[in-house]
Structure formats: structure tokens, C-alpha cells
N, C-alpha and C. Protein backbone atom coordinates (compact mmCIF):
# COMPACT_ATOMS: atom_id res chain seq x y z
N UNK A 1 59.43 124.93 135.68
CA UNK A 1 58.19 124.81 135.53
C UNK A 1 57.38 125.80 135.17
N UNK A 2 57.97 127.13 135.18
CA UNK A 2 57.39 128.20 134.26
C UNK A 2 57.19 127.93 132.72
N UNK A 3 58.25 126.85 132.22
CA UNK A 3 58.40 126.71 131.10
C UNK A 3 57.17 125.69 130.56
N UNK A 4 56.97 124.78 131.54
CA UNK A 4 55.53 123.58 131.13
C UNK A 4 54.33 124.58 131.25
N UNK A 5 54.09 125.38 132.27
CA UNK A 5 52.89 126.56 132.23
C UNK A 5 52.53 127.42 131.30
N UNK A 6 53.74 127.85 130.58
CA UNK A 6 53.71 128.57 129.02
C UNK A 6 53.21 127.73 127.94
N UNK A 7 53.89 126.16 127.81
CA UNK A 7 53.39 125.68 127.35
C UNK A 7 51.71 124.75 127.17
N UNK A 8 50.94 125.64 128.37
CA UNK A 8 49.58 125.23 128.36
C UNK A 8 48.98 125.27 127.21
N UNK A 9 48.18 124.52 126.36
CA UNK A 9 46.89 124.83 125.62
C UNK A 9 46.29 126.15 125.97
N UNK A 10 46.11 126.87 124.87
CA UNK A 10 45.35 128.00 124.92
C UNK A 10 43.90 128.07 126.05
N UNK A 11 43.24 127.00 125.52
CA UNK A 11 42.04 127.13 126.25
C UNK A 11 41.93 126.54 128.04
N UNK A 12 43.18 126.54 128.42
CA UNK A 12 43.46 126.48 129.66
C UNK A 12 44.24 127.21 130.57
N UNK A 13 44.87 128.27 129.80
CA UNK A 13 45.95 129.30 130.49
C UNK A 13 45.29 129.86 131.38
N UNK A 14 44.09 130.25 131.31
CA UNK A 14 43.46 131.37 132.07
C UNK A 14 43.26 130.58 133.83
N UNK A 15 43.36 129.11 133.82
CA UNK A 15 42.88 128.42 134.70
C UNK A 15 41.28 128.65 135.08
N UNK A 16 40.43 128.68 134.11
CA UNK A 16 38.80 128.61 134.30
C UNK A 16 38.54 127.76 133.34
N UNK A 17 39.12 126.53 133.00
CA UNK A 17 38.51 125.90 132.04
C UNK A 17 37.27 125.24 132.86
N UNK A 18 37.39 124.72 134.05
CA UNK A 18 36.43 124.13 134.72
C UNK A 18 35.49 125.20 134.97
N UNK A 19 35.66 126.55 135.24
CA UNK A 19 34.09 127.42 135.30
C UNK A 19 33.72 127.92 133.96
N UNK A 20 34.85 127.39 132.83
CA UNK A 20 33.75 127.48 131.65
C UNK A 20 32.94 126.19 131.43
N UNK A 21 33.31 125.17 131.70
CA UNK A 21 32.36 123.91 131.64
C UNK A 21 31.34 123.96 132.42
N UNK A 22 31.26 124.59 133.69
CA UNK A 22 29.99 124.79 134.06
C UNK A 22 29.06 125.87 133.78
N UNK A 23 29.69 127.01 133.07
CA UNK A 23 28.92 127.60 132.54
C UNK A 23 27.86 127.33 131.26
N UNK A 24 28.81 126.47 130.49
CA UNK A 24 28.46 125.65 129.56
C UNK A 24 27.08 124.72 130.04
N UNK A 25 27.37 123.97 130.75
CA UNK A 25 26.35 123.10 131.44
C UNK A 25 24.96 124.15 131.67
N UNK A 26 25.39 125.08 132.42
CA UNK A 26 24.26 126.23 133.03
C UNK A 26 23.23 126.07 131.89
N UNK A 27 23.99 126.77 130.77
CA UNK A 27 23.25 127.30 129.51
C UNK A 27 23.02 126.22 128.78
N UNK A 28 23.01 125.19 128.83
CA UNK A 28 22.80 123.86 128.23
C UNK A 28 21.26 123.78 128.11
N UNK A 29 20.07 123.77 127.31
CA UNK A 29 19.11 123.88 127.55
C UNK A 29 18.13 122.24 127.66
N UNK A 30 19.25 121.07 127.35
CA UNK A 30 18.86 119.96 127.55
C UNK A 30 19.09 119.33 129.20
N UNK A 31 18.11 119.01 129.79
CA UNK A 31 18.47 118.31 131.01
C UNK A 31 19.29 117.13 131.06
N UNK A 32 20.15 117.28 132.37
CA UNK A 32 21.41 116.11 132.12
C UNK A 32 20.68 115.45 133.44
N UNK A 33 21.21 114.18 133.31
CA UNK A 33 21.18 112.84 133.94
C UNK A 33 21.89 113.21 135.27
N UNK A 34 20.99 113.03 136.35
CA UNK A 34 21.64 112.83 137.55
C UNK A 34 22.01 111.35 138.00
N UNK A 35 23.19 111.28 138.19
CA UNK A 35 23.84 110.30 138.52
C UNK A 35 24.39 109.77 140.27
N UNK A 36 23.79 109.14 141.14
CA UNK A 36 24.14 108.73 142.73
C UNK A 36 24.86 108.07 142.80
N UNK A 37 25.91 108.24 143.63
CA UNK A 37 26.83 107.23 143.79
C UNK A 37 27.14 107.38 145.56
N UNK A 38 27.65 106.12 146.03
CA UNK A 38 28.06 106.12 147.47
C UNK A 38 29.63 105.73 147.37
N UNK A 39 29.89 106.30 148.41
CA UNK A 39 31.51 105.85 148.32
C UNK A 39 31.97 105.39 149.75
N UNK A 40 32.64 104.35 149.54
CA UNK A 40 32.90 103.59 151.03
C UNK A 40 34.39 103.71 150.86
N UNK A 41 35.30 104.06 151.88
CA UNK A 41 36.31 104.30 152.00
C UNK A 41 36.89 104.06 153.42
N UNK A 42 38.09 103.30 153.57
CA UNK A 42 38.84 103.01 154.86
C UNK A 42 37.91 102.51 155.55
N UNK A 43 37.38 101.21 155.49
CA UNK A 43 36.56 100.48 156.33
C UNK A 43 37.44 99.87 157.46
N UNK A 44 38.48 99.23 157.42
CA UNK A 44 39.41 98.80 158.40
C UNK A 44 38.78 98.33 159.45
N UNK A 45 37.97 97.04 158.96
CA UNK A 45 37.24 96.36 160.04
C UNK A 45 38.38 95.57 161.04
N UNK A 46 37.62 95.30 162.00
CA UNK A 46 38.72 94.51 162.94
C UNK A 46 38.10 93.26 163.61
N UNK A 47 38.12 91.90 162.93
CA UNK A 47 37.32 90.83 163.41
C UNK A 47 37.77 90.57 165.03
N UNK A 48 38.87 90.84 165.70
CA UNK A 48 38.68 90.87 166.93
C UNK A 48 38.07 92.03 167.56
N UNK A 49 37.49 92.79 167.31
CA UNK A 49 36.83 93.93 168.09
C UNK A 49 36.11 93.64 169.07
N UNK A 50 36.44 94.15 170.37
CA UNK A 50 35.71 93.58 171.42
C UNK A 50 34.99 94.97 172.08
N UNK A 51 34.02 94.71 172.58
CA UNK A 51 33.03 95.93 173.14
C UNK A 51 33.44 96.14 174.45
N UNK A 52 33.85 97.41 174.74
CA UNK A 52 34.36 97.71 175.94
C UNK A 52 36.21 97.48 176.23
N UNK A 53 36.25 97.68 175.09
CA UNK A 53 38.10 97.34 175.23
C UNK A 53 38.33 98.66 174.95
N UNK A 54 39.76 98.72 175.57
CA UNK A 54 40.23 100.28 175.40
C UNK A 54 40.19 100.82 174.25
N UNK A 55 39.73 101.76 174.52
CA UNK A 55 39.93 102.91 173.21
C UNK A 55 40.67 104.28 173.36
N UNK A 56 41.49 104.19 174.50
CA UNK A 56 42.89 105.15 174.72
C UNK A 56 43.82 104.09 174.74
N UNK A 57 44.92 104.45 173.93
CA UNK A 57 46.06 103.23 174.03
C UNK A 57 47.34 104.27 173.36
N UNK A 58 48.80 103.60 173.52
CA UNK A 58 49.62 104.54 173.02
C UNK A 58 49.64 103.95 171.31
N UNK A 59 49.14 103.64 170.63
CA UNK A 59 49.18 103.46 169.46
C UNK A 59 48.04 104.40 168.84
N UNK A 60 48.15 104.78 167.52
CA UNK A 60 47.38 106.26 166.61
C UNK A 60 45.96 105.40 166.60
N UNK A 61 45.74 103.96 166.44
CA UNK A 61 44.71 103.73 166.58
C UNK A 61 44.48 102.16 167.34
N UNK A 62 43.49 102.38 168.23
CA UNK A 62 43.48 101.39 169.26
C UNK A 62 42.89 100.05 168.39
N UNK A 63 43.39 98.86 168.40
CA UNK A 63 42.80 97.58 168.28
C UNK A 63 43.13 96.36 169.35
N UNK A 64 42.09 95.36 169.18
CA UNK A 64 41.64 94.80 170.09
C UNK A 64 43.13 93.60 170.82
N UNK A 65 44.21 93.54 169.76
CA UNK A 65 45.48 93.06 169.98
C UNK A 65 46.49 94.03 170.21
N UNK A 66 46.16 95.23 170.76
CA UNK A 66 46.97 96.13 171.09
C UNK A 66 48.22 95.36 172.31
N UNK A 67 47.46 94.36 173.08
CA UNK A 67 48.24 93.91 173.92
C UNK A 67 48.06 94.61 175.33
N UNK A 68 46.98 94.82 175.77
CA UNK A 68 46.79 95.69 177.23
C UNK A 68 46.56 96.83 176.78
N UNK A 69 46.02 97.34 178.10
CA UNK A 69 45.98 98.97 177.96
C UNK A 69 46.88 99.81 177.96
N UNK A 70 46.59 100.82 177.89
CA UNK A 70 47.84 101.87 178.12
C UNK A 70 48.34 102.51 179.23
N UNK A 71 49.00 103.76 179.50
CA UNK A 71 49.25 104.26 180.50
C UNK A 71 47.89 104.97 181.15
N UNK A 72 46.83 104.99 180.27
CA UNK A 72 45.51 105.72 180.46
C UNK A 72 44.79 104.78 180.62
N UNK A 73 45.02 104.24 181.31
CA UNK A 73 44.38 102.71 181.83
C UNK A 73 43.09 102.74 182.21
N UNK A 74 42.85 104.03 183.26
CA UNK A 74 41.58 104.04 184.20
C UNK A 74 40.48 104.71 183.18
N UNK A 75 41.08 105.69 182.49
CA UNK A 75 40.36 106.28 181.38
C UNK A 75 39.77 105.51 180.34
N UNK A 76 40.52 104.69 179.76
CA UNK A 76 40.24 103.41 178.68
C UNK A 76 38.99 102.60 179.11
N UNK A 77 39.30 102.16 180.64
CA UNK A 77 38.20 101.43 181.25
C UNK A 77 36.72 102.11 181.20
N UNK A 78 37.24 103.23 181.84
CA UNK A 78 35.47 103.89 181.64
C UNK A 78 35.39 104.15 180.71
N UNK A 79 35.64 104.36 179.69
CA UNK A 79 35.20 104.88 178.38
C UNK A 79 35.48 103.60 177.10
N UNK A 80 35.39 102.51 177.39
CA UNK A 80 35.52 101.39 176.46
C UNK A 80 34.88 101.43 175.40
N UNK A 81 35.46 100.78 174.29
CA UNK A 81 34.95 100.66 172.90
C UNK A 81 33.73 100.66 172.69
N UNK A 82 32.59 101.08 172.34
CA UNK A 82 31.16 100.87 172.01
C UNK A 82 30.50 99.98 171.22
N UNK A 83 29.39 99.51 171.32
CA UNK A 83 28.83 98.23 170.50
C UNK A 83 28.99 99.04 168.86
N UNK A 84 28.69 99.87 168.80
CA UNK A 84 28.80 100.08 167.19
C UNK A 84 30.46 100.80 166.69
N UNK A 85 31.18 100.79 167.66
CA UNK A 85 32.29 101.41 167.24
C UNK A 85 33.08 102.39 167.87
N UNK A 86 34.21 102.95 167.46
CA UNK A 86 34.86 103.97 168.26
C UNK A 86 35.37 105.09 167.39
N UNK A 87 35.87 106.06 167.34
CA UNK A 87 36.51 106.80 166.24
C UNK A 87 37.88 106.36 166.54
N UNK A 88 38.51 105.82 167.71
CA UNK A 88 40.07 105.80 167.97
C UNK A 88 40.12 104.49 167.58
N UNK A 89 38.73 103.62 167.08
CA UNK A 89 39.44 102.04 166.67
C UNK A 89 39.08 101.77 165.69
N UNK A 90 39.28 100.51 165.12
CA UNK A 90 39.32 99.81 163.76
C UNK A 90 37.56 99.61 164.20
N UNK A 91 36.81 99.40 162.92
CA UNK A 91 35.45 99.23 162.84
C UNK A 91 34.86 97.90 163.21
N UNK A 92 33.91 97.10 163.97
CA UNK A 92 33.54 96.27 164.32
C UNK A 92 32.48 95.94 163.17
N UNK A 93 33.16 94.50 162.68
CA UNK A 93 32.04 93.87 161.42
C UNK A 93 30.83 94.17 161.47
N UNK A 94 29.95 93.95 162.51
CA UNK A 94 28.46 93.92 162.75
C UNK A 94 27.91 95.31 162.44
N UNK A 95 29.05 96.89 162.91
CA UNK A 95 28.88 97.73 161.96
C UNK A 95 28.62 97.80 160.75
N UNK A 96 29.96 97.53 160.10
CA UNK A 96 29.88 97.23 158.68
C UNK A 96 28.65 96.83 158.11
N UNK A 97 28.49 95.56 158.43
CA UNK A 97 27.32 94.89 157.98
C UNK A 97 25.98 95.60 157.87
N UNK A 98 25.83 96.17 159.07
CA UNK A 98 24.74 96.77 159.18
C UNK A 98 24.62 98.29 158.19
N UNK A 99 25.53 98.96 158.06
CA UNK A 99 25.90 99.73 156.92
C UNK A 99 25.15 98.90 155.98
N UNK A 100 26.12 98.17 155.05
CA UNK A 100 25.69 97.60 153.93
C UNK A 100 24.38 97.51 153.74
N UNK A 101 23.74 96.67 155.21
CA UNK A 101 22.38 96.22 155.07
C UNK A 101 21.53 97.23 154.92
N UNK A 102 21.88 98.41 155.17
CA UNK A 102 21.02 99.95 155.14
C UNK A 102 21.14 100.01 153.97
N UNK A 103 22.06 100.20 153.28
CA UNK A 103 22.11 100.83 151.50
C UNK A 103 21.33 99.80 150.58
N UNK A 104 21.63 98.44 150.83
CA UNK A 104 20.90 97.43 150.30
C UNK A 104 19.30 97.73 150.69
N UNK A 105 18.81 97.89 151.86
CA UNK A 105 17.36 98.04 151.93
C UNK A 105 17.13 99.37 151.70
N UNK A 106 17.61 100.43 151.57
CA UNK A 106 17.17 101.76 150.91
C UNK A 106 17.77 102.02 149.62
N UNK A 107 17.98 100.96 148.80
CA UNK A 107 18.42 101.65 147.42
C UNK A 107 17.56 102.36 146.40
N UNK A 108 16.72 101.90 146.54
CA UNK A 108 15.54 102.74 145.67
C UNK A 108 15.29 104.35 146.25
N UNK A 109 15.19 104.31 147.67
CA UNK A 109 14.81 105.48 148.21
C UNK A 109 15.96 106.59 147.80
N UNK A 110 17.45 105.77 148.34
CA UNK A 110 18.58 106.50 147.86
C UNK A 110 19.02 107.03 146.38
N UNK A 111 18.04 106.06 145.57
CA UNK A 111 18.82 106.44 144.00
C UNK A 111 20.15 106.12 143.69
N UNK A 112 20.71 105.29 144.26
CA UNK A 112 21.87 104.84 144.02
C UNK A 112 22.35 103.87 142.19
N UNK A 113 22.93 104.85 141.76
CA UNK A 113 23.49 104.29 140.53
C UNK A 113 24.83 103.29 140.91
N UNK A 114 25.80 103.71 141.69
CA UNK A 114 26.74 102.81 141.78
C UNK A 114 27.39 103.06 143.03
N UNK A 115 28.41 102.11 143.52
CA UNK A 115 29.25 102.39 144.83
C UNK A 115 30.55 102.29 144.29
N UNK A 116 31.66 103.46 144.85
CA UNK A 116 32.97 103.21 144.67
C UNK A 116 33.30 102.76 146.34
N UNK A 117 34.15 101.67 146.01
CA UNK A 117 34.88 101.32 147.30
C UNK A 117 36.31 101.47 147.60
N UNK A 118 36.63 102.25 148.00
CA UNK A 118 38.14 102.52 148.11
C UNK A 118 39.26 102.10 148.76
N UNK A 119 38.68 100.70 149.13
CA UNK A 119 40.08 99.83 149.95
C UNK A 119 39.77 100.24 151.49
N UNK A 120 41.25 99.62 151.82
CA UNK A 120 41.86 100.06 152.92
C UNK A 120 41.32 99.15 154.17
N UNK A 121 40.99 97.74 153.83
CA UNK A 121 40.07 97.10 154.44
C UNK A 121 40.19 96.27 155.71
N UNK A 122 41.25 95.88 156.23
CA UNK A 122 41.53 95.13 157.40
C UNK A 122 42.03 96.14 158.48
N UNK A 123 42.38 95.76 159.69
CA UNK A 123 42.69 96.45 160.84
C UNK A 123 43.97 96.86 160.65
N UNK A 124 44.08 98.36 161.49
CA UNK A 124 45.68 98.62 161.31
C UNK A 124 46.69 97.96 161.67
N UNK A 125 46.46 96.74 162.36
CA UNK A 125 47.38 95.97 162.87
C UNK A 125 47.95 95.05 161.77
N UNK A 126 47.60 95.40 160.61
CA UNK A 126 47.99 94.30 159.53
C UNK A 126 49.02 93.79 159.33
N UNK A 127 50.26 94.40 159.59
CA UNK A 127 51.77 93.81 159.83
C UNK A 127 51.68 92.48 160.57
N UNK A 128 50.85 92.26 161.80
CA UNK A 128 51.03 91.12 162.32
C UNK A 128 50.39 89.95 161.36
N UNK A 129 49.82 89.82 160.17
CA UNK A 129 48.90 89.17 159.91
C UNK A 129 49.57 88.72 158.72
N UNK A 130 49.00 87.20 157.97
CA UNK A 130 49.59 87.05 156.94
C UNK A 130 48.98 87.60 155.64
N UNK A 131 49.42 87.04 154.50
CA UNK A 131 48.73 87.79 153.29
C UNK A 131 47.39 86.75 153.35
N UNK A 132 47.16 85.55 153.80
CA UNK A 132 45.97 85.06 153.93
C UNK A 132 44.99 85.56 154.57
N UNK A 133 45.15 86.00 155.82
CA UNK A 133 44.57 86.94 156.51
C UNK A 133 44.20 88.51 155.92
N UNK A 134 45.04 88.88 155.31
CA UNK A 134 44.97 90.44 155.02
C UNK A 134 43.72 89.84 153.62
N UNK A 135 43.85 89.23 152.81
CA UNK A 135 43.08 89.05 152.02
C UNK A 135 41.63 88.67 152.72
N UNK A 136 41.44 87.74 153.70
CA UNK A 136 40.37 87.73 154.17
C UNK A 136 39.34 88.91 154.55
N UNK A 137 40.02 89.85 154.78
CA UNK A 137 39.31 91.26 155.11
C UNK A 137 38.54 91.52 153.92
N UNK A 138 39.31 91.63 152.90
CA UNK A 138 38.44 91.82 151.36
C UNK A 138 37.58 90.73 151.12
N UNK A 139 37.76 89.47 151.37
CA UNK A 139 36.80 88.75 150.88
C UNK A 139 35.48 88.95 151.75
N UNK A 140 35.87 89.08 153.14
CA UNK A 140 34.61 88.96 154.00
C UNK A 140 33.73 90.70 153.72
N UNK A 141 34.82 91.88 152.86
CA UNK A 141 33.59 92.63 153.07
C UNK A 141 32.98 92.32 151.39
N UNK A 142 33.53 91.77 150.55
CA UNK A 142 32.97 91.47 149.29
C UNK A 142 31.97 90.94 149.68
N UNK A 143 31.84 89.92 150.16
CA UNK A 143 30.70 88.78 150.37
C UNK A 143 29.64 89.62 151.19
N UNK A 144 29.95 90.34 152.07
CA UNK A 144 29.07 91.22 152.92
C UNK A 144 28.16 92.26 152.11
N UNK A 145 28.98 92.63 151.22
CA UNK A 145 28.79 93.88 150.47
C UNK A 145 27.60 93.31 149.13
N UNK A 146 28.25 91.71 148.43
CA UNK A 146 27.16 91.20 147.53
C UNK A 146 25.99 90.79 148.10
N UNK A 147 25.80 90.23 149.57
CA UNK A 147 24.85 89.54 149.90
C UNK A 147 23.75 91.07 150.17
N UNK A 148 24.16 92.11 150.83
CA UNK A 148 23.76 93.37 150.85
C UNK A 148 22.72 93.79 149.59
N UNK A 149 23.37 93.67 148.65
CA UNK A 149 22.95 94.53 147.31
C UNK A 149 22.36 93.18 146.25
N UNK A 150 22.18 92.10 146.63
CA UNK A 150 21.52 90.81 145.79
C UNK A 150 20.18 90.75 145.25
N UNK A 151 19.60 92.02 145.68
CA UNK A 151 18.22 92.21 145.38
C UNK A 151 18.31 93.25 144.20
N UNK A 152 19.34 93.78 144.13
CA UNK A 152 19.55 95.20 143.37
C UNK A 152 20.89 94.77 142.35
N UNK A 153 20.99 94.23 141.11
CA UNK A 153 21.93 94.19 140.57
C UNK A 153 22.35 95.06 139.32
N UNK A 154 21.13 95.94 139.55
CA UNK A 154 21.81 97.33 138.64
C UNK A 154 22.73 97.97 139.39
N UNK A 155 22.89 97.97 140.55
CA UNK A 155 23.88 98.80 141.21
C UNK A 155 25.36 98.40 140.93
N UNK A 156 26.28 98.92 140.40
CA UNK A 156 27.38 98.41 140.10
C UNK A 156 28.61 98.74 140.87
N UNK A 157 29.30 97.84 141.50
CA UNK A 157 30.22 98.54 142.51
C UNK A 157 31.87 98.48 142.07
N UNK A 158 32.50 99.46 141.98
CA UNK A 158 33.73 99.53 141.96
C UNK A 158 34.67 99.45 142.83
N UNK A 159 35.28 98.50 143.05
CA UNK A 159 36.09 98.21 144.21
C UNK A 159 37.69 99.02 143.67
N UNK A 160 38.23 99.21 144.59
CA UNK A 160 40.09 99.68 144.26
C UNK A 160 40.85 99.41 145.33
N UNK A 161 41.84 98.81 145.33
CA UNK A 161 42.87 98.23 146.09
C UNK A 161 43.48 99.44 147.12
N UNK A 162 43.36 99.38 148.37
CA UNK A 162 44.02 100.39 149.17
C UNK A 162 45.60 99.85 149.58
N UNK A 163 46.29 100.50 150.05
CA UNK A 163 47.64 100.30 150.30
C UNK A 163 47.74 99.30 151.57
N UNK A 164 46.32 99.03 152.40
CA UNK A 164 46.18 98.10 153.37
C UNK A 164 46.01 96.56 152.80
N UNK A 165 45.76 96.42 151.34
CA UNK A 165 44.96 95.30 151.22
C UNK A 165 46.09 94.56 150.64
N UNK A 166 47.33 94.96 150.60
CA UNK A 166 48.18 93.56 150.04
C UNK A 166 49.06 93.43 151.13
N UNK A 167 50.09 92.27 150.89
CA UNK A 167 51.09 92.07 152.24
C UNK A 167 52.27 91.51 151.25
N UNK A 168 53.51 92.14 151.78
CA UNK A 168 53.56 93.27 152.87
C UNK A 168 52.82 94.51 152.50
N UNK A 169 52.23 95.16 153.61
CA UNK A 169 51.27 96.70 153.30
C UNK A 169 52.28 97.27 152.61
N UNK A 170 51.36 98.19 152.10
CA UNK A 170 52.07 99.21 150.73
C UNK A 170 52.85 98.69 149.73
N UNK A 171 52.46 97.63 149.26
CA UNK A 171 53.37 96.86 148.21
C UNK A 171 52.68 96.18 147.15
N UNK A 172 52.63 96.54 146.08
CA UNK A 172 52.26 95.90 145.06
C UNK A 172 53.12 95.25 143.86
N UNK A 173 53.26 94.40 143.11
CA UNK A 173 54.19 93.70 142.52
C UNK A 173 53.80 93.71 141.37
N UNK A 174 54.09 94.42 140.18
CA UNK A 174 53.79 94.49 138.92
C UNK A 174 54.95 93.99 137.74
N UNK A 175 55.96 93.93 138.17
CA UNK A 175 56.85 93.11 137.55
C UNK A 175 56.55 92.43 136.40
N UNK A 176 55.77 91.18 136.54
CA UNK A 176 54.80 90.73 135.46
C UNK A 176 53.69 90.14 136.02
N UNK A 177 52.96 89.87 135.06
CA UNK A 177 51.34 89.10 135.08
C UNK A 177 51.65 88.21 136.23
N UNK A 178 50.29 88.35 137.10
CA UNK A 178 50.25 87.32 138.09
C UNK A 178 51.29 86.96 139.25
N UNK A 179 52.03 87.81 139.34
CA UNK A 179 53.15 87.78 140.38
C UNK A 179 52.41 88.23 141.92
N UNK A 180 51.62 89.09 141.90
CA UNK A 180 50.83 89.59 143.30
C UNK A 180 50.30 88.76 143.77
N UNK A 181 50.05 87.88 144.76
CA UNK A 181 49.78 87.18 145.48
C UNK A 181 47.94 87.87 145.60
N UNK A 182 48.06 89.16 146.49
CA UNK A 182 46.84 89.49 146.98
C UNK A 182 45.60 90.03 145.65
N UNK A 183 46.59 90.57 145.13
CA UNK A 183 46.16 90.92 143.66
C UNK A 183 45.14 89.67 142.67
N UNK A 184 46.00 88.77 142.56
CA UNK A 184 45.53 87.56 141.95
C UNK A 184 44.24 87.04 142.85
N UNK A 185 44.06 87.13 144.03
CA UNK A 185 43.15 86.53 144.97
C UNK A 185 42.11 87.64 144.92
N UNK A 186 42.25 88.91 144.55
CA UNK A 186 40.97 89.90 144.48
C UNK A 186 40.39 89.56 143.17
N UNK A 187 40.98 89.31 142.15
CA UNK A 187 40.48 89.22 140.74
C UNK A 187 39.53 88.51 140.78
N UNK A 188 39.85 87.07 141.53
CA UNK A 188 38.92 85.82 142.02
C UNK A 188 37.54 86.46 142.24
N UNK A 189 37.66 87.15 143.24
CA UNK A 189 36.67 87.88 143.92
C UNK A 189 35.77 88.94 143.37
N UNK A 190 36.30 89.49 142.34
CA UNK A 190 35.68 90.47 141.87
C UNK A 190 35.44 90.61 140.53
């Protein structure tokens, strides 16, 4: 490892390369254009989300088909998942739509130049689904986002495939072109 560090080019040896860049930017008399973006990540919508369903369960994330309440049933019933969602549950589709509609209705005020969408679209229970169902999460989000931005074609959207956006989960096959069903499906959407 030390050998690699000694091979660093002279201009970055002191580990102050970024600081030097910022100093140069600050000293530059020409104003720089500000670019604004919104980053959307890990939406994890749950098409089966039910208001009032248990939000405490024996799983890391509660989702509608956890197959019943946990050993903490009394507390789960008393504090069920709310209308807009719950941090212990995957997101209701109407919350995602509301967020995208807000962005679409406020593009000018927010001064958005682009959106990065970093995937992980489906519910955490995706191992229970087929590849078609996993792809449906991405299709649904794509359609919802396109609809929200339909009056703002200048706003670019840069989608990225997350590890939950393929089937089986965490698997992408790049052995040869067009082999990965989910990736092929996404290219048609995007």
C-alpha cells in the first residue's frame, strides 16, 4: 500500500488537491453557474401498503405481507402505519406520487436543473415477487415521475438501477448483451 501512495502524482501527494481546487474557484473573478438537483433514493414503495397495518414487527422493515403482527402486537395496533407512511415501513404509493407532484408543481421555484434517481424502488419483500413484479415497481415510478414533470421537459432525470431493482435481488448479468431481463425492461422505460 505504501508503494501505491509513493506513486501518487506530485500535485495530489499532499492530499490537498480538493482544497486547492476550492481556492482556485474562490479566486476566479468569473461567476460560476449554479446547478441545482434533487436526489431521490431508496423509494421502496409498497403496493400493498395499508394504513393502520402493524408498524412494529419481527422484521427489519414492516411491510403489508409480513404475515401478521409481531410479538409486540398490542403496540403495533396502537401505533399502526399512518396515512403518509412510517419510517419502519416501506412507502405508500400515494406518498411517492405526492412528492413527485410537489416537485413538478414547484420546478421553477425550486430552480431544478436535474434529478438523480438512485433506484431501490420496490418493497423490501421483493424476494417474494417475480421479475415482472420487481420491474413493475420501476415502471410505476417512471410513469409517475414522467407525469409529474410533463410540463417541464428541460428537467433531466438520471435513473440508476439499485440492487433491489433486479431479480433475483442483488444480481445483474452482464455476460453478454441483452441477457439481463430487468435491465432490458428498464432500457425500454428510460
